[in-house]
């Protein structure tokens, strides 16, 4: 959880689905799809609505997402402080996202975080199954040389928290928006301010 992309992405997805006759509010999108890969969203839409979202739709959505990101994407408040604290402490860290490497490079580049993370990116493309399956986190831990039991995952989605649990990793549930009630993010210790994160993972806080 590094960039505040959720509201932008939810609005885009709701709009793009509406163009194919699938009318969902942003709240509906959060409830149904948060944390899922685009292929998983497409599969779920096919089952629930009988609509085949083709490659043209995917390309349109990626283009709309890039425009929105370039206009207004921001880092999560104080997340850079957490990254710097991890660097100072010599704690290995990485990003495990269902998104593509290209999308991560774009979003992290736009928010100034990429220089700290460009060699530590793991994508759902790297494994057969993305979140909520544990494959991505287990793959990242193996490459980083860490035992799953020694890893801490910071997540803002139910799918991510399920993946962390299944991987045998400690999870912290970042409550980024009102829709993210702790009850909806079960399986992780809830917190709502990145300045709390260093203390939660055993580092001294900068506050």
N, C-alpha and C. Protein backbone atom coordinates (compact mmCIF):
# COMPACT_ATOMS: atom_id res chain seq x y z
N UNK A 1 0.86 -1.19 0.00
CA UNK A 1 0.00 0.00 0.00
C UNK A 1 0.89 1.23 0.00
N UNK A 2 1.11 1.81 -1.17
CA UNK A 2 2.06 2.90 -1.31
C UNK A 2 1.45 4.16 -1.92
N UNK A 3 0.51 3.97 -2.84
CA UNK A 3 -0.09 5.12 -3.52
C UNK A 3 -1.59 5.12 -3.30
N UNK A 4 -2.15 6.32 -3.28
CA UNK A 4 -3.58 6.47 -3.00
C UNK A 4 -4.35 6.37 -4.31
N UNK A 5 -4.34 5.17 -4.88
CA UNK A 5 -4.92 4.97 -6.21
C UNK A 5 -6.35 4.45 -6.16
N UNK A 6 -6.80 4.03 -5.00
CA UNK A 6 -8.06 3.30 -4.94
C UNK A 6 -9.25 4.09 -5.47
N UNK A 7 -9.43 5.31 -4.99
CA UNK A 7 -10.62 6.07 -5.43
C UNK A 7 -10.57 6.32 -6.94
N UNK A 8 -9.39 6.64 -7.45
CA UNK A 8 -9.25 6.84 -8.88
C UNK A 8 -9.62 5.57 -9.65
N UNK A 9 -9.07 4.45 -9.21
CA UNK A 9 -9.31 3.19 -9.91
C UNK A 9 -10.76 2.74 -9.80
N UNK A 10 -11.36 2.93 -8.63
CA UNK A 10 -12.76 2.53 -8.47
C UNK A 10 -13.67 3.31 -9.40
N UNK A 11 -13.42 4.62 -9.50
CA UNK A 11 -14.23 5.44 -10.38
C UNK A 11 -14.08 5.04 -11.84
N UNK A 12 -12.83 4.76 -12.23
CA UNK A 12 -12.58 4.35 -13.62
C UNK A 12 -13.26 3.03 -13.92
N UNK A 13 -13.12 2.06 -13.00
CA UNK A 13 -13.71 0.74 -13.23
C UNK A 13 -15.23 0.83 -13.31
N UNK A 14 -15.84 1.62 -12.41
CA UNK A 14 -17.29 1.79 -12.46
C UNK A 14 -17.72 2.40 -13.80
N UNK A 15 -16.98 3.40 -14.25
CA UNK A 15 -17.31 4.05 -15.52
C UNK A 15 -17.13 3.09 -16.70
N UNK A 16 -16.02 2.36 -16.70
CA UNK A 16 -15.75 1.45 -17.82
C UNK A 16 -16.73 0.29 -17.87
N UNK A 17 -17.17 -0.19 -16.72
CA UNK A 17 -18.19 -1.23 -16.70
C UNK A 17 -19.52 -0.68 -17.20
N UNK A 18 -19.82 0.56 -16.81
CA UNK A 18 -21.06 1.18 -17.26
C UNK A 18 -21.13 1.29 -18.78
N UNK A 19 -19.99 1.46 -19.42
CA UNK A 19 -19.95 1.56 -20.88
C UNK A 19 -20.32 0.23 -21.55
N UNK A 20 -20.23 -0.84 -20.79
CA UNK A 20 -20.63 -2.15 -21.31
C UNK A 20 -21.96 -2.61 -20.71
N UNK A 21 -22.70 -1.65 -20.15
CA UNK A 21 -24.03 -1.96 -19.65
C UNK A 21 -24.07 -2.57 -18.27
N UNK A 22 -22.95 -2.53 -17.55
CA UNK A 22 -22.90 -3.08 -16.20
C UNK A 22 -22.84 -1.91 -15.23
N UNK A 23 -23.95 -1.57 -14.62
CA UNK A 23 -24.04 -0.35 -13.84
C UNK A 23 -23.77 -0.65 -12.36
N UNK A 24 -22.62 -0.17 -11.90
CA UNK A 24 -22.20 -0.36 -10.51
C UNK A 24 -21.71 0.96 -9.97
N UNK A 25 -21.99 1.21 -8.70
CA UNK A 25 -21.46 2.40 -8.04
C UNK A 25 -20.02 2.11 -7.60
N UNK A 26 -19.32 3.17 -7.19
CA UNK A 26 -17.96 2.96 -6.67
C UNK A 26 -17.99 2.06 -5.44
N UNK A 27 -19.03 2.20 -4.61
CA UNK A 27 -19.16 1.34 -3.43
C UNK A 27 -19.33 -0.12 -3.85
N UNK A 28 -20.09 -0.35 -4.92
CA UNK A 28 -20.25 -1.71 -5.43
C UNK A 28 -18.91 -2.27 -5.89
N UNK A 29 -18.13 -1.44 -6.57
CA UNK A 29 -16.83 -1.87 -7.07
C UNK A 29 -15.90 -2.24 -5.92
N UNK A 30 -15.90 -1.41 -4.87
CA UNK A 30 -15.08 -1.71 -3.69
C UNK A 30 -15.47 -3.05 -3.10
N UNK A 31 -16.77 -3.23 -2.94
CA UNK A 31 -17.26 -4.46 -2.30
C UNK A 31 -16.94 -5.70 -3.12
N UNK A 32 -17.05 -5.60 -4.42
CA UNK A 32 -16.93 -6.77 -5.27
C UNK A 32 -15.50 -7.07 -5.73
N UNK A 33 -14.69 -6.02 -5.95
CA UNK A 33 -13.47 -6.24 -6.71
C UNK A 33 -12.16 -5.78 -6.07
N UNK A 34 -12.22 -5.08 -4.95
CA UNK A 34 -11.00 -4.52 -4.42
C UNK A 34 -9.96 -5.61 -4.16
N UNK A 35 -8.75 -5.35 -4.61
CA UNK A 35 -7.65 -6.27 -4.40
C UNK A 35 -7.52 -7.36 -5.44
N UNK A 36 -8.47 -7.44 -6.38
CA UNK A 36 -8.44 -8.50 -7.39
C UNK A 36 -7.67 -8.04 -8.63
N UNK A 37 -7.12 -8.99 -9.36
CA UNK A 37 -6.49 -8.68 -10.64
C UNK A 37 -7.58 -8.38 -11.67
N UNK A 38 -7.19 -7.70 -12.74
CA UNK A 38 -8.14 -7.43 -13.82
C UNK A 38 -8.68 -8.74 -14.41
N UNK A 39 -7.84 -9.75 -14.65
CA UNK A 39 -8.40 -11.02 -15.13
C UNK A 39 -9.43 -11.61 -14.18
N UNK A 40 -9.21 -11.46 -12.87
CA UNK A 40 -10.18 -11.97 -11.89
C UNK A 40 -11.48 -11.17 -11.95
N UNK A 41 -11.36 -9.85 -12.13
CA UNK A 41 -12.55 -9.01 -12.28
C UNK A 41 -13.34 -9.43 -13.52
N UNK A 42 -12.62 -9.63 -14.61
CA UNK A 42 -13.27 -10.02 -15.87
C UNK A 42 -13.98 -11.37 -15.71
N UNK A 43 -13.32 -12.29 -15.04
CA UNK A 43 -13.93 -13.60 -14.83
C UNK A 43 -15.20 -13.48 -13.98
N UNK A 44 -15.14 -12.67 -12.93
CA UNK A 44 -16.30 -12.51 -12.05
C UNK A 44 -17.45 -11.82 -12.79
N UNK A 45 -17.13 -10.83 -13.62
CA UNK A 45 -18.16 -10.16 -14.40
C UNK A 45 -18.80 -11.14 -15.38
N UNK A 46 -17.99 -11.99 -15.98
CA UNK A 46 -18.52 -12.97 -16.91
C UNK A 46 -19.51 -13.91 -16.25
N UNK A 47 -19.18 -14.33 -15.02
CA UNK A 47 -20.07 -15.24 -14.29
C UNK A 47 -21.33 -14.53 -13.82
N UNK A 48 -21.17 -13.32 -13.26
CA UNK A 48 -22.31 -12.64 -12.63
C UNK A 48 -23.20 -11.91 -13.61
N UNK A 49 -22.63 -11.43 -14.73
CA UNK A 49 -23.41 -10.62 -15.67
C UNK A 49 -23.46 -11.20 -17.08
N UNK A 50 -22.69 -12.24 -17.33
CA UNK A 50 -22.70 -12.84 -18.66
C UNK A 50 -22.13 -11.94 -19.73
N UNK A 51 -21.22 -11.04 -19.34
CA UNK A 51 -20.62 -10.10 -20.28
C UNK A 51 -19.15 -10.45 -20.47
N UNK A 52 -18.72 -10.54 -21.70
CA UNK A 52 -17.32 -10.84 -22.02
C UNK A 52 -16.58 -9.52 -22.24
N UNK A 53 -15.72 -9.17 -21.29
CA UNK A 53 -14.93 -7.96 -21.41
C UNK A 53 -13.66 -8.29 -22.19
N UNK A 54 -13.58 -7.77 -23.41
CA UNK A 54 -12.53 -8.18 -24.33
C UNK A 54 -11.26 -7.35 -24.19
N UNK A 55 -10.30 -7.62 -25.07
CA UNK A 55 -9.01 -6.92 -25.03
C UNK A 55 -9.17 -5.43 -25.28
N UNK A 56 -10.13 -5.07 -26.11
CA UNK A 56 -10.37 -3.64 -26.37
C UNK A 56 -10.80 -2.93 -25.10
N UNK A 57 -11.66 -3.57 -24.32
CA UNK A 57 -12.10 -2.99 -23.04
C UNK A 57 -10.91 -2.84 -22.09
N UNK A 58 -10.07 -3.87 -22.03
CA UNK A 58 -8.90 -3.81 -21.15
C UNK A 58 -7.98 -2.66 -21.55
N UNK A 59 -7.75 -2.50 -22.84
CA UNK A 59 -6.88 -1.42 -23.32
C UNK A 59 -7.47 -0.06 -22.98
N UNK A 60 -8.77 0.10 -23.14
CA UNK A 60 -9.43 1.36 -22.81
C UNK A 60 -9.30 1.66 -21.33
N UNK A 61 -9.45 0.63 -20.50
CA UNK A 61 -9.36 0.86 -19.07
C UNK A 61 -7.94 1.23 -18.64
N UNK A 62 -6.95 0.57 -19.22
CA UNK A 62 -5.56 0.91 -18.91
C UNK A 62 -5.26 2.35 -19.32
N UNK A 63 -5.76 2.76 -20.48
CA UNK A 63 -5.52 4.12 -20.96
C UNK A 63 -6.18 5.15 -20.04
N UNK A 64 -7.41 4.87 -19.62
CA UNK A 64 -8.12 5.78 -18.72
C UNK A 64 -7.42 5.86 -17.37
N UNK A 65 -6.91 4.73 -16.90
CA UNK A 65 -6.19 4.70 -15.63
C UNK A 65 -4.93 5.55 -15.69
N UNK A 66 -4.20 5.43 -16.79
CA UNK A 66 -2.97 6.22 -16.92
C UNK A 66 -3.27 7.71 -16.92
N UNK A 67 -4.31 8.12 -17.62
CA UNK A 67 -4.69 9.54 -17.65
C UNK A 67 -5.03 10.03 -16.25
N UNK A 68 -5.83 9.25 -15.52
CA UNK A 68 -6.23 9.64 -14.17
C UNK A 68 -5.04 9.70 -13.23
N UNK A 69 -4.14 8.73 -13.35
CA UNK A 69 -2.95 8.72 -12.50
C UNK A 69 -2.08 9.95 -12.75
N UNK A 70 -1.89 10.27 -14.01
CA UNK A 70 -1.03 11.41 -14.33
C UNK A 70 -1.65 12.72 -13.86
N UNK A 71 -2.95 12.76 -13.76
CA UNK A 71 -3.62 13.98 -13.31
C UNK A 71 -3.64 14.13 -11.79
N UNK A 72 -3.73 13.01 -11.05
CA UNK A 72 -3.99 13.20 -9.63
C UNK A 72 -3.48 12.15 -8.66
N UNK A 73 -2.60 11.26 -9.10
CA UNK A 73 -2.14 10.23 -8.17
C UNK A 73 -1.19 10.80 -7.12
N UNK A 74 -1.40 10.42 -5.87
CA UNK A 74 -0.58 10.87 -4.76
C UNK A 74 -0.10 9.67 -3.94
N UNK A 75 1.06 9.80 -3.29
CA UNK A 75 1.47 8.72 -2.37
C UNK A 75 0.59 8.72 -1.14
N UNK A 76 0.48 7.58 -0.50
CA UNK A 76 -0.20 7.52 0.79
C UNK A 76 0.54 8.44 1.75
N UNK A 77 -0.17 9.26 2.52
CA UNK A 77 0.52 10.16 3.45
C UNK A 77 1.48 9.41 4.37
N UNK A 78 2.71 9.92 4.44
CA UNK A 78 3.76 9.43 5.34
C UNK A 78 4.34 8.08 4.94
N UNK A 79 3.97 7.55 3.76
CA UNK A 79 4.52 6.24 3.39
C UNK A 79 6.01 6.34 3.06
N UNK A 80 6.45 7.49 2.53
CA UNK A 80 7.88 7.64 2.26
C UNK A 80 8.68 7.60 3.56
N UNK A 81 8.13 8.16 4.64
CA UNK A 81 8.81 8.10 5.93
C UNK A 81 9.02 6.65 6.37
N UNK A 82 8.02 5.80 6.12
CA UNK A 82 8.15 4.37 6.45
C UNK A 82 9.24 3.73 5.61
N UNK A 83 9.26 4.02 4.32
CA UNK A 83 10.28 3.45 3.44
C UNK A 83 11.67 3.87 3.90
N UNK A 84 11.83 5.13 4.23
CA UNK A 84 13.14 5.63 4.68
C UNK A 84 13.54 5.00 6.01
N UNK A 85 12.57 4.79 6.89
CA UNK A 85 12.86 4.14 8.17
C UNK A 85 13.34 2.71 7.96
N UNK A 86 12.72 2.00 7.03
CA UNK A 86 13.15 0.64 6.73
C UNK A 86 14.56 0.63 6.14
N UNK A 87 14.84 1.59 5.27
CA UNK A 87 16.18 1.70 4.69
C UNK A 87 17.22 1.97 5.77
N UNK A 88 16.94 2.90 6.66
CA UNK A 88 17.89 3.24 7.72
C UNK A 88 18.16 2.04 8.63
N UNK A 89 17.11 1.26 8.90
CA UNK A 89 17.24 0.12 9.80
C UNK A 89 17.83 -1.11 9.12
N UNK A 90 17.99 -1.05 7.80
CA UNK A 90 18.52 -2.18 7.07
C UNK A 90 17.56 -3.36 6.98
N UNK A 91 16.26 -3.06 7.05
CA UNK A 91 15.24 -4.11 6.98
C UNK A 91 14.87 -4.35 5.51
N UNK A 92 15.04 -5.56 5.00
CA UNK A 92 14.65 -5.83 3.61
C UNK A 92 13.14 -5.63 3.42
N UNK A 93 12.76 -5.04 2.31
CA UNK A 93 11.34 -4.85 2.02
C UNK A 93 11.13 -4.88 0.52
N UNK A 94 9.90 -5.11 0.12
CA UNK A 94 9.58 -5.19 -1.30
C UNK A 94 8.10 -4.89 -1.50
N UNK A 95 7.67 -4.86 -2.75
CA UNK A 95 6.27 -4.64 -3.11
C UNK A 95 5.75 -5.91 -3.77
N UNK A 96 4.60 -6.39 -3.30
CA UNK A 96 3.93 -7.51 -3.93
C UNK A 96 2.54 -7.07 -4.36
N UNK A 97 2.34 -6.84 -5.65
CA UNK A 97 1.09 -6.28 -6.15
C UNK A 97 0.50 -7.16 -7.23
N UNK A 98 -0.84 -7.23 -7.26
CA UNK A 98 -1.51 -7.91 -8.36
C UNK A 98 -1.36 -7.16 -9.68
N UNK A 99 -0.97 -5.90 -9.61
CA UNK A 99 -0.80 -5.11 -10.82
C UNK A 99 0.43 -5.51 -11.59
N UNK A 100 0.52 -4.99 -12.80
CA UNK A 100 1.67 -5.30 -13.65
C UNK A 100 2.89 -4.48 -13.23
N UNK A 101 4.06 -4.95 -13.65
CA UNK A 101 5.29 -4.20 -13.39
C UNK A 101 5.20 -2.82 -14.05
N UNK A 102 4.67 -2.77 -15.26
CA UNK A 102 4.54 -1.48 -15.96
C UNK A 102 3.67 -0.51 -15.17
N UNK A 103 2.58 -1.01 -14.62
CA UNK A 103 1.70 -0.14 -13.84
C UNK A 103 2.39 0.33 -12.57
N UNK A 104 3.14 -0.56 -11.93
CA UNK A 104 3.86 -0.16 -10.72
C UNK A 104 4.92 0.89 -11.04
N UNK A 105 5.64 0.71 -12.14
CA UNK A 105 6.64 1.70 -12.53
C UNK A 105 5.98 3.05 -12.77
N UNK A 106 4.81 3.05 -13.39
CA UNK A 106 4.12 4.31 -13.65
C UNK A 106 3.68 4.97 -12.34
N UNK A 107 2.97 4.22 -11.49
CA UNK A 107 2.42 4.83 -10.28
C UNK A 107 3.52 5.24 -9.30
N UNK A 108 4.53 4.40 -9.14
CA UNK A 108 5.62 4.74 -8.22
C UNK A 108 6.49 5.85 -8.79
N UNK A 109 6.63 5.88 -10.12
CA UNK A 109 7.39 6.96 -10.73
C UNK A 109 6.70 8.29 -10.58
N UNK A 110 5.39 8.32 -10.78
CA UNK A 110 4.64 9.56 -10.66
C UNK A 110 4.66 10.12 -9.24
N UNK A 111 4.79 9.26 -8.25
CA UNK A 111 4.74 9.71 -6.86
C UNK A 111 6.13 9.80 -6.21
N UNK A 112 7.18 9.58 -6.99
CA UNK A 112 8.54 9.75 -6.47
C UNK A 112 9.06 8.60 -5.64
N UNK A 113 8.35 7.48 -5.62
CA UNK A 113 8.75 6.35 -4.78
C UNK A 113 9.60 5.32 -5.53
N UNK A 114 9.60 5.38 -6.84
CA UNK A 114 10.26 4.33 -7.62
C UNK A 114 11.75 4.16 -7.31
N UNK A 115 12.52 5.24 -7.10
CA UNK A 115 13.95 5.04 -6.82
C UNK A 115 14.21 4.15 -5.61
N UNK A 116 13.28 4.11 -4.67
CA UNK A 116 13.46 3.28 -3.47
C UNK A 116 13.01 1.84 -3.68
N UNK A 117 12.29 1.58 -4.77
CA UNK A 117 11.60 0.29 -4.88
C UNK A 117 11.79 -0.42 -6.21
N UNK A 118 12.47 0.19 -7.18
CA UNK A 118 12.44 -0.33 -8.54
C UNK A 118 13.03 -1.74 -8.67
N UNK A 119 13.93 -2.12 -7.78
CA UNK A 119 14.51 -3.46 -7.84
C UNK A 119 13.82 -4.43 -6.88
N UNK A 120 12.69 -4.02 -6.33
CA UNK A 120 12.01 -4.83 -5.31
C UNK A 120 10.53 -4.99 -5.64
N UNK A 121 10.20 -5.11 -6.91
CA UNK A 121 8.81 -5.18 -7.33
C UNK A 121 8.46 -6.60 -7.77
N UNK A 122 7.35 -7.11 -7.22
CA UNK A 122 6.85 -8.43 -7.58
C UNK A 122 5.40 -8.28 -8.01
N UNK A 123 5.07 -8.89 -9.14
CA UNK A 123 3.77 -8.71 -9.76
C UNK A 123 2.99 -10.01 -9.79
N UNK A 124 1.67 -9.86 -9.85
CA UNK A 124 0.81 -11.02 -10.05
C UNK A 124 1.14 -11.76 -11.34
N UNK A 125 1.81 -11.06 -12.28
CA UNK A 125 2.25 -11.71 -13.51
C UNK A 125 3.35 -12.74 -13.26
N UNK A 126 4.00 -12.65 -12.10
CA UNK A 126 5.12 -13.55 -11.81
C UNK A 126 4.68 -14.94 -11.37
N UNK A 127 3.41 -15.08 -11.03
CA UNK A 127 2.91 -16.34 -10.47
C UNK A 127 1.64 -16.78 -11.19
N UNK A 128 1.28 -18.04 -10.97
CA UNK A 128 0.08 -18.57 -11.63
C UNK A 128 -1.19 -17.97 -11.06
N UNK A 129 -1.18 -17.69 -9.76
CA UNK A 129 -2.39 -17.18 -9.09
C UNK A 129 -2.02 -15.96 -8.26
N UNK A 130 -2.75 -14.87 -8.49
CA UNK A 130 -2.53 -13.67 -7.69
C UNK A 130 -3.31 -13.74 -6.39
N UNK A 131 -3.31 -12.63 -5.65
CA UNK A 131 -4.10 -12.56 -4.43
C UNK A 131 -5.57 -12.78 -4.79
N UNK A 132 -6.32 -13.50 -3.97
CA UNK A 132 -6.13 -13.85 -2.56
C UNK A 132 -5.32 -15.12 -2.30
N UNK A 133 -4.73 -15.72 -3.33
CA UNK A 133 -3.88 -16.88 -3.12
C UNK A 133 -2.52 -16.42 -2.59
N UNK A 134 -1.79 -17.27 -1.89
CA UNK A 134 -0.54 -16.86 -1.26
C UNK A 134 0.66 -16.84 -2.20
N UNK A 135 0.48 -17.28 -3.45
CA UNK A 135 1.62 -17.51 -4.35
C UNK A 135 2.54 -16.31 -4.49
N UNK A 136 1.96 -15.12 -4.66
CA UNK A 136 2.77 -13.93 -4.89
C UNK A 136 3.63 -13.61 -3.69
N UNK A 137 3.06 -13.63 -2.50
CA UNK A 137 3.83 -13.32 -1.31
C UNK A 137 4.90 -14.38 -1.03
N UNK A 138 4.57 -15.63 -1.27
CA UNK A 138 5.56 -16.69 -1.06
C UNK A 138 6.71 -16.57 -2.06
N UNK A 139 6.38 -16.21 -3.29
CA UNK A 139 7.41 -16.00 -4.32
C UNK A 139 8.32 -14.84 -3.92
N UNK A 140 7.73 -13.73 -3.49
CA UNK A 140 8.53 -12.57 -3.10
C UNK A 140 9.43 -12.91 -1.92
N UNK A 141 8.90 -13.61 -0.93
CA UNK A 141 9.71 -13.99 0.23
C UNK A 141 10.88 -14.88 -0.17
N UNK A 142 10.63 -15.82 -1.06
CA UNK A 142 11.70 -16.72 -1.50
C UNK A 142 12.81 -15.95 -2.21
N UNK A 143 12.43 -15.04 -3.10
CA UNK A 143 13.44 -14.26 -3.82
C UNK A 143 14.21 -13.36 -2.87
N UNK A 144 13.51 -12.81 -1.88
CA UNK A 144 14.16 -11.92 -0.91
C UNK A 144 14.95 -12.68 0.14
N UNK A 145 14.82 -14.00 0.17
CA UNK A 145 15.56 -14.82 1.13
C UNK A 145 15.00 -14.76 2.53
N UNK A 146 13.68 -14.61 2.65
CA UNK A 146 13.05 -14.49 3.96
C UNK A 146 12.07 -15.63 4.19
N UNK A 147 12.02 -16.12 5.42
CA UNK A 147 11.04 -17.13 5.78
C UNK A 147 9.68 -16.46 5.92
N UNK A 148 8.61 -17.08 5.44
CA UNK A 148 7.28 -16.46 5.55
C UNK A 148 6.93 -16.02 6.96
N UNK A 149 7.29 -16.81 7.94
CA UNK A 149 6.94 -16.48 9.33
C UNK A 149 7.64 -15.21 9.81
N UNK A 150 8.71 -14.80 9.12
CA UNK A 150 9.43 -13.59 9.51
C UNK A 150 8.96 -12.36 8.75
N UNK A 151 7.98 -12.52 7.87
CA UNK A 151 7.53 -11.41 7.02
C UNK A 151 6.32 -10.70 7.63
N UNK A 152 6.26 -9.40 7.38
CA UNK A 152 5.10 -8.60 7.74
C UNK A 152 4.54 -7.99 6.45
N UNK A 153 3.26 -8.17 6.22
CA UNK A 153 2.60 -7.64 5.02
C UNK A 153 1.69 -6.48 5.42
N UNK A 154 1.81 -5.37 4.73
CA UNK A 154 0.89 -4.25 4.92
C UNK A 154 -0.07 -4.26 3.73
N UNK A 155 -1.34 -4.40 4.01
CA UNK A 155 -2.35 -4.54 2.95
C UNK A 155 -3.55 -3.65 3.23
N UNK A 156 -4.25 -3.30 2.14
CA UNK A 156 -5.47 -2.50 2.28
C UNK A 156 -6.67 -3.18 1.65
N UNK A 157 -6.54 -4.47 1.34
CA UNK A 157 -7.66 -5.19 0.73
C UNK A 157 -7.85 -6.53 1.39
N UNK A 158 -9.10 -7.01 1.35
CA UNK A 158 -9.40 -8.32 1.91
C UNK A 158 -8.64 -9.41 1.16
N UNK A 159 -8.51 -9.26 -0.17
CA UNK A 159 -7.79 -10.26 -0.95
C UNK A 159 -6.34 -10.34 -0.52
N UNK A 160 -5.71 -9.19 -0.29
CA UNK A 160 -4.32 -9.17 0.15
C UNK A 160 -4.13 -9.77 1.52
N UNK A 161 -5.06 -9.47 2.42
CA UNK A 161 -4.96 -10.01 3.77
C UNK A 161 -5.16 -11.53 3.78
N UNK A 162 -6.07 -12.01 2.94
CA UNK A 162 -6.25 -13.46 2.83
C UNK A 162 -4.98 -14.11 2.30
N UNK A 163 -4.34 -13.46 1.34
CA UNK A 163 -3.10 -14.00 0.79
C UNK A 163 -2.01 -14.05 1.86
N UNK A 164 -1.91 -13.00 2.66
CA UNK A 164 -0.90 -12.98 3.72
C UNK A 164 -1.15 -14.08 4.74
N UNK A 165 -2.41 -14.24 5.13
CA UNK A 165 -2.76 -15.30 6.07
C UNK A 165 -2.40 -16.67 5.52
N UNK A 166 -2.77 -16.89 4.25
CA UNK A 166 -2.50 -18.19 3.63
C UNK A 166 -1.01 -18.45 3.50
N UNK A 167 -0.22 -17.38 3.39
CA UNK A 167 1.23 -17.52 3.28
C UNK A 167 1.91 -17.69 4.64
N UNK A 168 1.14 -17.55 5.71
CA UNK A 168 1.71 -17.67 7.06
C UNK A 168 2.49 -16.45 7.49
N UNK A 169 2.07 -15.28 7.01
CA UNK A 169 2.76 -14.04 7.33
C UNK A 169 1.90 -13.16 8.23
N UNK A 170 2.56 -12.37 9.07
CA UNK A 170 1.84 -11.39 9.88
C UNK A 170 1.30 -10.31 8.96
N UNK A 171 0.09 -9.85 9.23
CA UNK A 171 -0.53 -8.85 8.35
C UNK A 171 -0.97 -7.62 9.14
N UNK A 172 -0.76 -6.45 8.54
CA UNK A 172 -1.27 -5.19 9.05
C UNK A 172 -2.28 -4.66 8.04
N UNK A 173 -3.48 -4.31 8.51
CA UNK A 173 -4.56 -3.87 7.63
C UNK A 173 -4.65 -2.35 7.65
N UNK A 174 -4.19 -1.73 6.57
CA UNK A 174 -4.25 -0.27 6.48
C UNK A 174 -5.65 0.16 6.08
N UNK A 175 -6.30 0.93 6.94
CA UNK A 175 -7.65 1.41 6.70
C UNK A 175 -7.54 2.75 6.00
N UNK A 176 -7.56 2.71 4.67
CA UNK A 176 -7.30 3.92 3.89
C UNK A 176 -8.53 4.79 3.72
N UNK A 177 -9.71 4.17 3.68
CA UNK A 177 -10.93 4.90 3.36
C UNK A 177 -12.07 4.38 4.23
N UNK A 178 -13.14 5.16 4.40
CA UNK A 178 -14.26 4.73 5.23
C UNK A 178 -14.83 3.38 4.85
N UNK A 179 -14.76 3.03 3.57
CA UNK A 179 -15.29 1.73 3.13
C UNK A 179 -14.50 0.57 3.72
N UNK A 180 -13.30 0.86 4.20
CA UNK A 180 -12.43 -0.17 4.73
C UNK A 180 -12.63 -0.31 6.24
N UNK A 181 -13.82 -0.66 6.65
CA UNK A 181 -14.03 -0.93 8.08
C UNK A 181 -13.20 -2.13 8.47
N UNK A 182 -12.68 -2.15 9.72
CA UNK A 182 -11.87 -3.30 10.14
C UNK A 182 -12.56 -4.63 9.92
N UNK A 183 -13.89 -4.65 10.03
CA UNK A 183 -14.61 -5.90 9.83
C UNK A 183 -14.45 -6.43 8.41
N UNK A 184 -14.28 -5.51 7.46
CA UNK A 184 -14.10 -5.92 6.07
C UNK A 184 -12.66 -6.30 5.77
N UNK A 185 -11.75 -5.96 6.67
CA UNK A 185 -10.35 -6.29 6.49
C UNK A 185 -9.89 -7.22 7.60
N UNK A 186 -10.70 -8.22 7.90
CA UNK A 186 -10.35 -9.16 8.96
C UNK A 186 -9.09 -9.92 8.58
N UNK A 187 -8.34 -10.26 9.59
CA UNK A 187 -7.13 -11.03 9.35
C UNK A 187 -5.86 -10.23 9.52
N UNK A 188 -5.97 -8.94 9.79
CA UNK A 188 -4.79 -8.11 9.99
C UNK A 188 -5.02 -7.10 11.09
N UNK A 189 -3.93 -6.67 11.72
CA UNK A 189 -4.04 -5.64 12.75
C UNK A 189 -4.39 -4.32 12.08
N UNK A 190 -5.53 -3.70 12.42
CA UNK A 190 -5.95 -2.48 11.72
C UNK A 190 -5.20 -1.24 12.20
N UNK A 191 -4.87 -0.35 11.26
CA UNK A 191 -4.30 0.96 11.58
C UNK A 191 -4.66 1.91 10.46
N UNK A 192 -4.63 3.21 10.72
CA UNK A 192 -5.09 4.17 9.71
C UNK A 192 -4.13 5.32 9.46
N UNK A 193 -2.89 5.19 9.92
CA UNK A 193 -1.90 6.25 9.75
C UNK A 193 -0.54 5.57 9.56
N UNK A 194 0.12 5.85 8.44
CA UNK A 194 1.40 5.20 8.16
C UNK A 194 2.47 5.55 9.19
N UNK A 195 2.25 6.61 9.96
CA UNK A 195 3.21 6.93 11.01
C UNK A 195 3.17 5.92 12.14
N UNK A 196 2.09 5.11 12.17
CA UNK A 196 2.01 4.04 13.18
C UNK A 196 2.78 2.79 12.75
N UNK A 197 3.04 2.66 11.46
CA UNK A 197 3.58 1.42 10.93
C UNK A 197 4.95 1.04 11.49
N UNK A 198 5.91 1.99 11.64
CA UNK A 198 7.20 1.57 12.19
C UNK A 198 7.09 0.88 13.54
N UNK A 199 6.26 1.42 14.42
CA UNK A 199 6.06 0.79 15.72
C UNK A 199 5.42 -0.58 15.63
N UNK A 200 4.48 -0.72 14.69
CA UNK A 200 3.77 -2.00 14.54
C UNK A 200 4.66 -3.10 14.01
N UNK A 201 5.72 -2.73 13.26
CA UNK A 201 6.63 -3.76 12.76
C UNK A 201 7.93 -3.82 13.54
N UNK A 202 7.96 -3.10 14.68
CA UNK A 202 9.10 -3.24 15.57
C UNK A 202 10.21 -2.23 15.38
N UNK A 203 9.97 -1.16 14.59
CA UNK A 203 10.94 -0.09 14.43
C UNK A 203 10.54 1.08 15.29
N UNK A 204 11.52 1.91 15.63
CA UNK A 204 11.21 3.12 16.39
C UNK A 204 10.42 4.07 15.53
N UNK A 205 9.38 4.68 16.07
CA UNK A 205 8.58 5.64 15.33
C UNK A 205 9.28 6.97 15.24
N UNK A 206 9.03 7.70 14.13
CA UNK A 206 9.60 9.04 13.97
C UNK A 206 8.72 10.13 14.54
N UNK A 207 7.59 9.74 15.10
CA UNK A 207 6.65 10.75 15.59
C UNK A 207 7.18 11.37 16.87
